[in-house]
Amino acid sequence: YKKLTETFPQQLGDVTLRQFIRAINRAEPGLIRT
């Protein structure tokens, strides 16, 4: 995660690892399979 935040400091500088993990695991029915 440190590498990712260093790549995108403005976008993720205020986002904790825990917040990021919850976000990438969210269940949100969508239309696109991929």
PDB file of all heavy atoms in Angstrom:
ATOM      1  N   TYR A   1       0.816  -1.218   0.000  1.00  0.00           N
ATOM      2  CA  TYR A   1       0.000   0.000   0.000  1.00  0.00           C
ATOM      3  C   TYR A   1       0.849   1.267   0.000  1.00  0.00           C
ATOM      4  O   TYR A   1       0.480   2.271  -0.619  1.00  0.00           O
ATOM      5  CB  TYR A   1      -0.950  -0.014   1.198  1.00  0.00           C
ATOM      6  CG  TYR A   1      -1.987   1.073   1.145  1.00  0.00           C
ATOM      7  CD1 TYR A   1      -2.840   1.197   0.051  1.00  0.00           C
ATOM      8  CD2 TYR A   1      -2.125   1.993   2.199  1.00  0.00           C
ATOM      9  CE1 TYR A   1      -3.793   2.199  -0.002  1.00  0.00           C
ATOM     10  CE2 TYR A   1      -3.074   2.995   2.154  1.00  0.00           C
ATOM     11  CZ  TYR A   1      -3.911   3.097   1.049  1.00  0.00           C
ATOM     12  OH  TYR A   1      -4.863   4.100   0.998  1.00  0.00           O
ATOM     13  N   LYS A   2       2.000   1.223   0.657  1.00  0.00           N
ATOM     14  CA  LYS A   2       2.872   2.400   0.667  1.00  0.00           C
ATOM     15  C   LYS A   2       3.282   2.782  -0.758  1.00  0.00           C
ATOM     16  O   LYS A   2       3.325   3.963  -1.113  1.00  0.00           O
ATOM     17  CB  LYS A   2       4.116   2.126   1.519  1.00  0.00           C
ATOM     18  CG  LYS A   2       5.050   3.325   1.636  1.00  0.00           C
ATOM     19  CD  LYS A   2       6.280   3.004   2.486  1.00  0.00           C
ATOM     20  CE  LYS A   2       7.216   4.208   2.548  1.00  0.00           C
ATOM     21  NZ  LYS A   2       8.458   3.903   3.292  1.00  0.00           N
ATOM     22  N   LYS A   3       3.603   1.796  -1.580  1.00  0.00           N
ATOM     23  CA  LYS A   3       3.976   2.047  -2.970  1.00  0.00           C
ATOM     24  C   LYS A   3       2.812   2.705  -3.715  1.00  0.00           C
ATOM     25  O   LYS A   3       3.019   3.633  -4.509  1.00  0.00           O
ATOM     26  CB  LYS A   3       4.371   0.725  -3.648  1.00  0.00           C
ATOM     27  CG  LYS A   3       4.610   0.809  -5.147  1.00  0.00           C
ATOM     28  CD  LYS A   3       5.888   1.522  -5.492  1.00  0.00           C
ATOM     29  CE  LYS A   3       6.171   1.453  -6.983  1.00  0.00           C
ATOM     30  NZ  LYS A   3       7.396   2.174  -7.366  1.00  0.00           N
ATOM     31  N   LEU A   4       1.604   2.236  -3.456  1.00  0.00           N
ATOM     32  CA  LEU A   4       0.433   2.801  -4.135  1.00  0.00           C
ATOM     33  C   LEU A   4       0.196   4.246  -3.701  1.00  0.00           C
ATOM     34  O   LEU A   4      -0.070   5.110  -4.541  1.00  0.00           O
ATOM     35  CB  LEU A   4      -0.799   1.944  -3.842  1.00  0.00           C
ATOM     36  CG  LEU A   4      -2.085   2.353  -4.573  1.00  0.00           C
ATOM     37  CD1 LEU A   4      -1.923   2.197  -6.082  1.00  0.00           C
ATOM     38  CD2 LEU A   4      -3.264   1.521  -4.088  1.00  0.00           C
ATOM     39  N   THR A   5       0.310   4.519  -2.408  1.00  0.00           N
ATOM     40  CA  THR A   5       0.087   5.890  -1.930  1.00  0.00           C
ATOM     41  C   THR A   5       1.201   6.835  -2.382  1.00  0.00           C
ATOM     42  O   THR A   5       0.954   8.020  -2.612  1.00  0.00           O
ATOM     43  CB  THR A   5      -0.037   5.927  -0.395  1.00  0.00           C
ATOM     44  OG1 THR A   5       1.126   5.330   0.192  1.00  0.00           O
ATOM     45  CG2 THR A   5      -1.283   5.189   0.067  1.00  0.00           C
ATOM     46  N   GLU A   6       2.409   6.315  -2.528  1.00  0.00           N
ATOM     47  CA  GLU A   6       3.504   7.146  -3.066  1.00  0.00           C
ATOM     48  C   GLU A   6       3.267   7.462  -4.535  1.00  0.00           C
ATOM     49  O   GLU A   6       3.685   8.526  -5.021  1.00  0.00           O
ATOM     50  CB  GLU A   6       4.832   6.416  -2.888  1.00  0.00           C
ATOM     51  CG  GLU A   6       5.330   6.395  -1.450  1.00  0.00           C
ATOM     52  CD  GLU A   6       6.574   5.536  -1.266  1.00  0.00           C
ATOM     53  OE1 GLU A   6       6.943   4.797  -2.215  1.00  0.00           O
ATOM     54  OE2 GLU A   6       7.178   5.601  -0.180  1.00  0.00           O
ATOM     55  N   THR A   7       2.616   6.563  -5.245  1.00  0.00           N
ATOM     56  CA  THR A   7       2.292   6.789  -6.660  1.00  0.00           C
ATOM     57  C   THR A   7       1.157   7.795  -6.795  1.00  0.00           C
ATOM     58  O   THR A   7       1.145   8.609  -7.720  1.00  0.00           O
ATOM     59  CB  THR A   7       1.907   5.461  -7.344  1.00  0.00           C
ATOM     60  OG1 THR A   7       2.940   4.495  -7.134  1.00  0.00           O
ATOM     61  CG2 THR A   7       1.715   5.655  -8.846  1.00  0.00           C
ATOM     62  N   PHE A   8       0.195   7.752  -5.836  1.00  0.00           N
ATOM     63  CA  PHE A   8      -0.966   8.640  -5.888  1.00  0.00           C
ATOM     64  C   PHE A   8      -1.155   9.348  -4.538  1.00  0.00           C
ATOM     65  O   PHE A   8      -2.128   9.109  -3.825  1.00  0.00           O
ATOM     66  CB  PHE A   8      -2.228   7.837  -6.237  1.00  0.00           C
ATOM     67  CG  PHE A   8      -2.187   7.191  -7.586  1.00  0.00           C
ATOM     68  CD1 PHE A   8      -1.976   5.826  -7.705  1.00  0.00           C
ATOM     69  CD2 PHE A   8      -2.355   7.952  -8.741  1.00  0.00           C
ATOM     70  CE1 PHE A   8      -1.935   5.224  -8.953  1.00  0.00           C
ATOM     71  CE2 PHE A   8      -2.311   7.364  -9.989  1.00  0.00           C
ATOM     72  CZ  PHE A   8      -2.093   5.995 -10.108  1.00  0.00           C
ATOM     73  N   PRO A   9      -0.221  10.228  -4.177  1.00  0.00           N
ATOM     74  CA  PRO A   9      -0.300  10.871  -2.854  1.00  0.00           C
ATOM     75  C   PRO A   9      -1.519  11.776  -2.698  1.00  0.00           C
ATOM     76  O   PRO A   9      -2.113  11.832  -1.616  1.00  0.00           O
ATOM     77  CB  PRO A   9       1.004  11.668  -2.774  1.00  0.00           C
ATOM     78  CG  PRO A   9       1.429  11.855  -4.202  1.00  0.00           C
ATOM     79  CD  PRO A   9       0.972  10.647  -4.923  1.00  0.00           C
ATOM     80  N   GLN A  10      -1.912  12.490  -3.745  1.00  0.00           N
ATOM     81  CA  GLN A  10      -3.062  13.393  -3.639  1.00  0.00           C
ATOM     82  C   GLN A  10      -4.373  12.629  -3.508  1.00  0.00           C
ATOM     83  O   GLN A  10      -5.285  13.049  -2.795  1.00  0.00           O
ATOM     84  CB  GLN A  10      -3.120  14.313  -4.860  1.00  0.00           C
ATOM     85  CG  GLN A  10      -1.986  15.330  -4.904  1.00  0.00           C
ATOM     86  CD  GLN A  10      -2.123  16.262  -6.099  1.00  0.00           C
ATOM     87  OE1 GLN A  10      -2.525  15.854  -7.183  1.00  0.00           O
ATOM     88  NE2 GLN A  10      -1.791  17.531  -5.890  1.00  0.00           N
ATOM     89  N   GLN A  11      -4.459  11.508  -4.201  1.00  0.00           N
ATOM     90  CA  GLN A  11      -5.709  10.744  -4.211  1.00  0.00           C
ATOM     91  C   GLN A  11      -5.869   9.857  -2.972  1.00  0.00           C
ATOM     92  O   GLN A  11      -6.985   9.615  -2.515  1.00  0.00           O
ATOM     93  CB  GLN A  11      -5.783   9.858  -5.470  1.00  0.00           C
ATOM     94  CG  GLN A  11      -5.857  10.645  -6.768  1.00  0.00           C
ATOM     95  CD  GLN A  11      -4.479  11.025  -7.304  1.00  0.00           C
ATOM     96  OE1 GLN A  11      -3.463  10.900  -6.607  1.00  0.00           O
ATOM     97  NE2 GLN A  11      -4.437  11.486  -8.549  1.00  0.00           N
ATOM     98  N   LEU A  12      -4.746   9.345  -2.434  1.00  0.00           N
ATOM     99  CA  LEU A  12      -4.824   8.360  -1.353  1.00  0.00           C
ATOM    100  C   LEU A  12      -4.120   8.787  -0.066  1.00  0.00           C
ATOM    101  O   LEU A  12      -4.079   8.022   0.892  1.00  0.00           O
ATOM    102  CB  LEU A  12      -4.227   7.025  -1.830  1.00  0.00           C
ATOM    103  CG  LEU A  12      -4.982   6.316  -2.961  1.00  0.00           C
ATOM    104  CD1 LEU A  12      -4.194   5.103  -3.453  1.00  0.00           C
ATOM    105  CD2 LEU A  12      -6.378   5.895  -2.512  1.00  0.00           C
ATOM    106  N   GLY A  13      -3.593   9.999  -0.059  1.00  0.00           N
ATOM    107  CA  GLY A  13      -2.852  10.461   1.119  1.00  0.00           C
ATOM    108  C   GLY A  13      -3.689  10.502   2.382  1.00  0.00           C
ATOM    109  O   GLY A  13      -3.157  10.377   3.490  1.00  0.00           O
ATOM    110  N   ASP A  14      -5.005  10.681   2.232  1.00  0.00           N
ATOM    111  CA  ASP A  14      -5.892  10.760   3.399  1.00  0.00           C
ATOM    112  C   ASP A  14      -6.665   9.460   3.632  1.00  0.00           C
ATOM    113  O   ASP A  14      -7.611   9.424   4.421  1.00  0.00           O
ATOM    114  CB  ASP A  14      -6.887  11.908   3.226  1.00  0.00           C
ATOM    115  CG  ASP A  14      -7.778  11.724   2.001  1.00  0.00           C
ATOM    116  OD1 ASP A  14      -7.436  10.884   1.129  1.00  0.00           O
ATOM    117  OD2 ASP A  14      -8.812  12.417   1.902  1.00  0.00           O
ATOM    118  N   VAL A  15      -6.238   8.382   2.962  1.00  0.00           N
ATOM    119  CA  VAL A  15      -6.959   7.100   3.037  1.00  0.00           C
ATOM    120  C   VAL A  15      -6.085   6.078   3.766  1.00  0.00           C
ATOM    121  O   VAL A  15      -4.961   5.791   3.350  1.00  0.00           O
ATOM    122  CB  VAL A  15      -7.312   6.571   1.629  1.00  0.00           C
ATOM    123  CG1 VAL A  15      -8.034   5.225   1.730  1.00  0.00           C
ATOM    124  CG2 VAL A  15      -8.151   7.591   0.870  1.00  0.00           C
ATOM    125  N   THR A  16      -6.602   5.528   4.859  1.00  0.00           N
ATOM    126  CA  THR A  16      -5.840   4.530   5.608  1.00  0.00           C
ATOM    127  C   THR A  16      -5.880   3.183   4.893  1.00  0.00           C
ATOM    128  O   THR A  16      -6.749   2.933   4.036  1.00  0.00           O
ATOM    129  CB  THR A  16      -6.413   4.341   7.022  1.00  0.00           C
ATOM    130  OG1 THR A  16      -7.724   3.756   6.913  1.00  0.00           O
ATOM    131  CG2 THR A  16      -6.490   5.664   7.755  1.00  0.00           C
ATOM    132  N   LEU A  17      -4.958   2.318   5.253  1.00  0.00           N
ATOM    133  CA  LEU A  17      -4.946   0.965   4.689  1.00  0.00           C
ATOM    134  C   LEU A  17      -6.268   0.262   4.971  1.00  0.00           C
ATOM    135  O   LEU A  17      -6.828  -0.405   4.107  1.00  0.00           O
ATOM    136  CB  LEU A  17      -3.780   0.155   5.267  1.00  0.00           C
ATOM    137  CG  LEU A  17      -3.747  -1.344   4.898  1.00  0.00           C
ATOM    138  CD1 LEU A  17      -3.632  -1.536   3.388  1.00  0.00           C
ATOM    139  CD2 LEU A  17      -2.591  -2.049   5.616  1.00  0.00           C
ATOM    140  N   ARG A  18      -6.786   0.418   6.175  1.00  0.00           N
ATOM    141  CA  ARG A  18      -8.043  -0.244   6.544  1.00  0.00           C
ATOM    142  C   ARG A  18      -9.197   0.240   5.679  1.00  0.00           C
ATOM    143  O   ARG A  18     -10.022  -0.561   5.214  1.00  0.00           O
ATOM    144  CB  ARG A  18      -8.344   0.009   8.028  1.00  0.00           C
ATOM    145  CG  ARG A  18      -9.580  -0.705   8.539  1.00  0.00           C
ATOM    146  CD  ARG A  18      -9.414  -2.206   8.447  1.00  0.00           C
ATOM    147  NE  ARG A  18     -10.640  -2.908   8.822  1.00  0.00           N
ATOM    148  CZ  ARG A  18     -11.015  -4.073   8.338  1.00  0.00           C
ATOM    149  NH1 ARG A  18     -10.282  -4.679   7.424  1.00  0.00           N
ATOM    150  NH2 ARG A  18     -12.129  -4.643   8.740  1.00  0.00           N
ATOM    151  N   GLN A  19      -9.263   1.536   5.418  1.00  0.00           N
ATOM    152  CA  GLN A  19     -10.309   2.082   4.551  1.00  0.00           C
ATOM    153  C   GLN A  19     -10.177   1.529   3.134  1.00  0.00           C
ATOM    154  O   GLN A  19     -11.170   1.189   2.488  1.00  0.00           O
ATOM    155  CB  GLN A  19     -10.206   3.618   4.510  1.00  0.00           C
ATOM    156  CG  GLN A  19     -10.647   4.314   5.771  1.00  0.00           C
ATOM    157  CD  GLN A  19     -10.381   5.810   5.702  1.00  0.00           C
ATOM    158  OE1 GLN A  19      -9.259   6.244   5.391  1.00  0.00           O
ATOM    159  NE2 GLN A  19     -11.406   6.602   5.973  1.00  0.00           N
ATOM    160  N   PHE A  20      -8.935   1.437   2.671  1.00  0.00           N
ATOM    161  CA  PHE A  20      -8.678   0.926   1.323  1.00  0.00           C
ATOM    162  C   PHE A  20      -9.112  -0.530   1.215  1.00  0.00           C
ATOM    163  O   PHE A  20      -9.788  -0.916   0.246  1.00  0.00           O
ATOM    164  CB  PHE A  20      -7.186   1.070   0.999  1.00  0.00           C
ATOM    165  CG  PHE A  20      -6.797   0.530  -0.347  1.00  0.00           C
ATOM    166  CD1 PHE A  20      -7.060   1.244  -1.506  1.00  0.00           C
ATOM    167  CD2 PHE A  20      -6.155  -0.702  -0.460  1.00  0.00           C
ATOM    168  CE1 PHE A  20      -6.704   0.749  -2.745  1.00  0.00           C
ATOM    169  CE2 PHE A  20      -5.788  -1.208  -1.694  1.00  0.00           C
ATOM    170  CZ  PHE A  20      -6.067  -0.481  -2.852  1.00  0.00           C
ATOM    171  N   ILE A  21      -8.767  -1.348   2.195  1.00  0.00           N
ATOM    172  CA  ILE A  21      -9.112  -2.771   2.173  1.00  0.00           C
ATOM    173  C   ILE A  21     -10.623  -2.957   2.158  1.00  0.00           C
ATOM    174  O   ILE A  21     -11.167  -3.774   1.406  1.00  0.00           O
ATOM    175  CB  ILE A  21      -8.491  -3.510   3.386  1.00  0.00           C
ATOM    176  CG1 ILE A  21      -6.964  -3.498   3.287  1.00  0.00           C
ATOM    177  CG2 ILE A  21      -9.010  -4.946   3.458  1.00  0.00           C
ATOM    178  CD1 ILE A  21      -6.399  -4.139   2.044  1.00  0.00           C
ATOM    179  N   ARG A  22     -11.323  -2.197   2.983  1.00  0.00           N
ATOM    180  CA  ARG A  22     -12.794  -2.302   3.000  1.00  0.00           C
ATOM    181  C   ARG A  22     -13.376  -1.906   1.647  1.00  0.00           C
ATOM    182  O   ARG A  22     -14.307  -2.545   1.142  1.00  0.00           O
ATOM    183  CB  ARG A  22     -13.371  -1.429   4.123  1.00  0.00           C
ATOM    184  CG  ARG A  22     -13.147  -2.013   5.519  1.00  0.00           C
ATOM    185  CD  ARG A  22     -13.657  -1.077   6.606  1.00  0.00           C
ATOM    186  NE  ARG A  22     -15.091  -0.804   6.480  1.00  0.00           N
ATOM    187  CZ  ARG A  22     -16.055  -1.619   6.860  1.00  0.00           C
ATOM    188  NH1 ARG A  22     -15.759  -2.794   7.403  1.00  0.00           N
ATOM    189  NH2 ARG A  22     -17.331  -1.290   6.730  1.00  0.00           N
ATOM    190  N   ALA A  23     -12.803  -0.869   1.045  1.00  0.00           N
ATOM    191  CA  ALA A  23     -13.332  -0.375  -0.241  1.00  0.00           C
ATOM    192  C   ALA A  23     -13.142  -1.392  -1.362  1.00  0.00           C
ATOM    193  O   ALA A  23     -14.039  -1.610  -2.178  1.00  0.00           O
ATOM    194  CB  ALA A  23     -12.669   0.946  -0.601  1.00  0.00           C
ATOM    195  N   ILE A  24     -11.973  -2.033  -1.417  1.00  0.00           N
ATOM    196  CA  ILE A  24     -11.727  -2.966  -2.526  1.00  0.00           C
ATOM    197  C   ILE A  24     -12.447  -4.303  -2.321  1.00  0.00           C
ATOM    198  O   ILE A  24     -12.494  -5.123  -3.242  1.00  0.00           O
ATOM    199  CB  ILE A  24     -10.211  -3.223  -2.750  1.00  0.00           C
ATOM    200  CG1 ILE A  24      -9.562  -3.859  -1.517  1.00  0.00           C
ATOM    201  CG2 ILE A  24      -9.512  -1.939  -3.188  1.00  0.00           C
ATOM    202  CD1 ILE A  24      -8.114  -4.285  -1.734  1.00  0.00           C
ATOM    203  N   ASN A  25     -13.022  -4.483  -1.133  1.00  0.00           N
ATOM    204  CA  ASN A  25     -13.784  -5.707  -0.862  1.00  0.00           C
ATOM    205  C   ASN A  25     -15.286  -5.457  -0.759  1.00  0.00           C
ATOM    206  O   ASN A  25     -16.045  -6.372  -0.422  1.00  0.00           O
ATOM    207  CB  ASN A  25     -13.289  -6.362   0.429  1.00  0.00           C
ATOM    208  CG  ASN A  25     -11.987  -7.107   0.229  1.00  0.00           C
ATOM    209  OD1 ASN A  25     -11.941  -8.149  -0.419  1.00  0.00           O
ATOM    210  ND2 ASN A  25     -10.902  -6.565   0.767  1.00  0.00           N
ATOM    211  N   ARG A  26     -15.714  -4.232  -1.055  1.00  0.00           N
ATOM    212  CA  ARG A  26     -17.141  -3.917  -0.941  1.00  0.00           C
ATOM    213  C   ARG A  26     -17.972  -4.788  -1.898  1.00  0.00           C
ATOM    214  O   ARG A  26     -17.512  -5.161  -2.973  1.00  0.00           O
ATOM    215  CB  ARG A  26     -17.374  -2.436  -1.242  1.00  0.00           C
ATOM    216  CG  ARG A  26     -17.150  -2.058  -2.694  1.00  0.00           C
ATOM    217  CD  ARG A  26     -17.006  -0.555  -2.855  1.00  0.00           C
ATOM    218  NE  ARG A  26     -16.853  -0.161  -4.261  1.00  0.00           N
ATOM    219  CZ  ARG A  26     -15.725  -0.253  -4.946  1.00  0.00           C
ATOM    220  NH1 ARG A  26     -14.626  -0.760  -4.370  1.00  0.00           N
ATOM    221  NH2 ARG A  26     -15.658   0.140  -6.213  1.00  0.00           N
ATOM    222  N   ALA A  27     -19.176  -5.085  -1.469  1.00  0.00           N
ATOM    223  CA  ALA A  27     -20.126  -5.809  -2.322  1.00  0.00           C
ATOM    224  C   ALA A  27     -21.134  -4.803  -2.848  1.00  0.00           C
ATOM    225  O   ALA A  27     -21.863  -4.182  -2.071  1.00  0.00           O
ATOM    226  CB  ALA A  27     -20.819  -6.899  -1.527  1.00  0.00           C
ATOM    227  N   GLU A  28     -21.147  -4.635  -4.149  1.00  0.00           N
ATOM    228  CA  GLU A  28     -21.952  -3.585  -4.762  1.00  0.00           C
ATOM    229  C   GLU A  28     -22.425  -4.093  -6.121  1.00  0.00           C
ATOM    230  O   GLU A  28     -21.698  -3.982  -7.105  1.00  0.00           O
ATOM    231  CB  GLU A  28     -21.086  -2.329  -4.911  1.00  0.00           C
ATOM    232  CG  GLU A  28     -21.812  -1.066  -5.249  1.00  0.00           C
ATOM    233  CD  GLU A  28     -20.839   0.115  -5.236  1.00  0.00           C
ATOM    234  OE1 GLU A  28     -20.033   0.239  -6.177  1.00  0.00           O
ATOM    235  OE2 GLU A  28     -20.886   0.884  -4.272  1.00  0.00           O
ATOM    236  N   PRO A  29     -23.609  -4.684  -6.188  1.00  0.00           N
ATOM    237  CA  PRO A  29     -24.073  -5.251  -7.458  1.00  0.00           C
ATOM    238  C   PRO A  29     -23.970  -4.247  -8.597  1.00  0.00           C
ATOM    239  O   PRO A  29     -24.406  -3.097  -8.477  1.00  0.00           O
ATOM    240  CB  PRO A  29     -25.538  -5.595  -7.175  1.00  0.00           C
ATOM    241  CG  PRO A  29     -25.589  -5.831  -5.708  1.00  0.00           C
ATOM    242  CD  PRO A  29     -24.606  -4.847  -5.116  1.00  0.00           C
ATOM    243  N   GLY A  30     -23.312  -4.671  -9.673  1.00  0.00           N
ATOM    244  CA  GLY A  30     -23.150  -3.823 -10.839  1.00  0.00           C
ATOM    245  C   GLY A  30     -23.494  -4.601 -12.095  1.00  0.00           C
ATOM    246  O   GLY A  30     -23.795  -5.795 -12.049  1.00  0.00           O
ATOM    247  N   LEU A  31     -23.413  -3.936 -13.220  1.00  0.00           N
ATOM    248  CA  LEU A  31     -23.824  -4.547 -14.483  1.00  0.00           C
ATOM    249  C   LEU A  31     -22.681  -5.224 -15.221  1.00  0.00           C
ATOM    250  O   LEU A  31     -22.924  -6.063 -16.085  1.00  0.00           O
ATOM    251  CB  LEU A  31     -24.446  -3.474 -15.386  1.00  0.00           C
ATOM    252  CG  LEU A  31     -25.770  -2.896 -14.889  1.00  0.00           C
ATOM    253  CD1 LEU A  31     -26.117  -1.619 -15.652  1.00  0.00           C
ATOM    254  CD2 LEU A  31     -26.893  -3.912 -15.022  1.00  0.00           C
ATOM    255  N   ILE A  32     -21.435  -4.861 -14.901  1.00  0.00           N
ATOM    256  CA  ILE A  32     -20.295  -5.312 -15.690  1.00  0.00           C
ATOM    257  C   ILE A  32     -19.562  -6.457 -14.995  1.00  0.00           C
ATOM    258  O   ILE A  32     -19.053  -6.293 -13.880  1.00  0.00           O
ATOM    259  CB  ILE A  32     -19.315  -4.152 -15.960  1.00  0.00           C
ATOM    260  CG1 ILE A  32     -20.083  -2.953 -16.540  1.00  0.00           C
ATOM    261  CG2 ILE A  32     -18.213  -4.600 -16.906  1.00  0.00           C
ATOM    262  CD1 ILE A  32     -20.855  -3.242 -17.824  1.00  0.00           C
ATOM    263  N   ARG A  33     -19.495  -7.602 -15.649  1.00  0.00           N
ATOM    264  CA  ARG A  33     -18.888  -8.801 -15.057  1.00  0.00           C
ATOM    265  C   ARG A  33     -17.444  -8.563 -14.646  1.00  0.00           C
ATOM    266  O   ARG A  33     -17.023  -8.947 -13.545  1.00  0.00           O
ATOM    267  CB  ARG A  33     -18.950  -9.962 -16.057  1.00  0.00           C
ATOM    268  CG  ARG A  33     -18.221 -11.220 -15.574  1.00  0.00           C
ATOM    269  CD  ARG A  33     -18.183 -12.277 -16.663  1.00  0.00           C
ATOM    270  NE  ARG A  33     -17.405 -11.875 -17.817  1.00  0.00           N
ATOM    271  CZ  ARG A  33     -16.080 -11.977 -17.912  1.00  0.00           C
ATOM    272  NH1 ARG A  33     -15.374 -12.486 -16.916  1.00  0.00           N
ATOM    273  NH2 ARG A  33     -15.449 -11.587 -18.996  1.00  0.00           N
ATOM    274  N   THR A  34     -16.638  -7.973 -15.529  1.00  0.00           N
ATOM    275  CA  THR A  34     -15.209  -7.827 -15.253  1.00  0.00           C
ATOM    276  C   THR A  34     -14.940  -6.860 -14.100  1.00  0.00           C
ATOM    277  O   THR A  34     -13.843  -6.839 -13.567  1.00  0.00           O
ATOM    278  CB  THR A  34     -14.446  -7.356 -16.499  1.00  0.00           C
ATOM    279  OG1 THR A  34     -15.050  -6.155 -16.996  1.00  0.00           O
ATOM    280  CG2 THR A  34     -14.477  -8.421 -17.589  1.00  0.00           C
TER     281      THR A  34
END
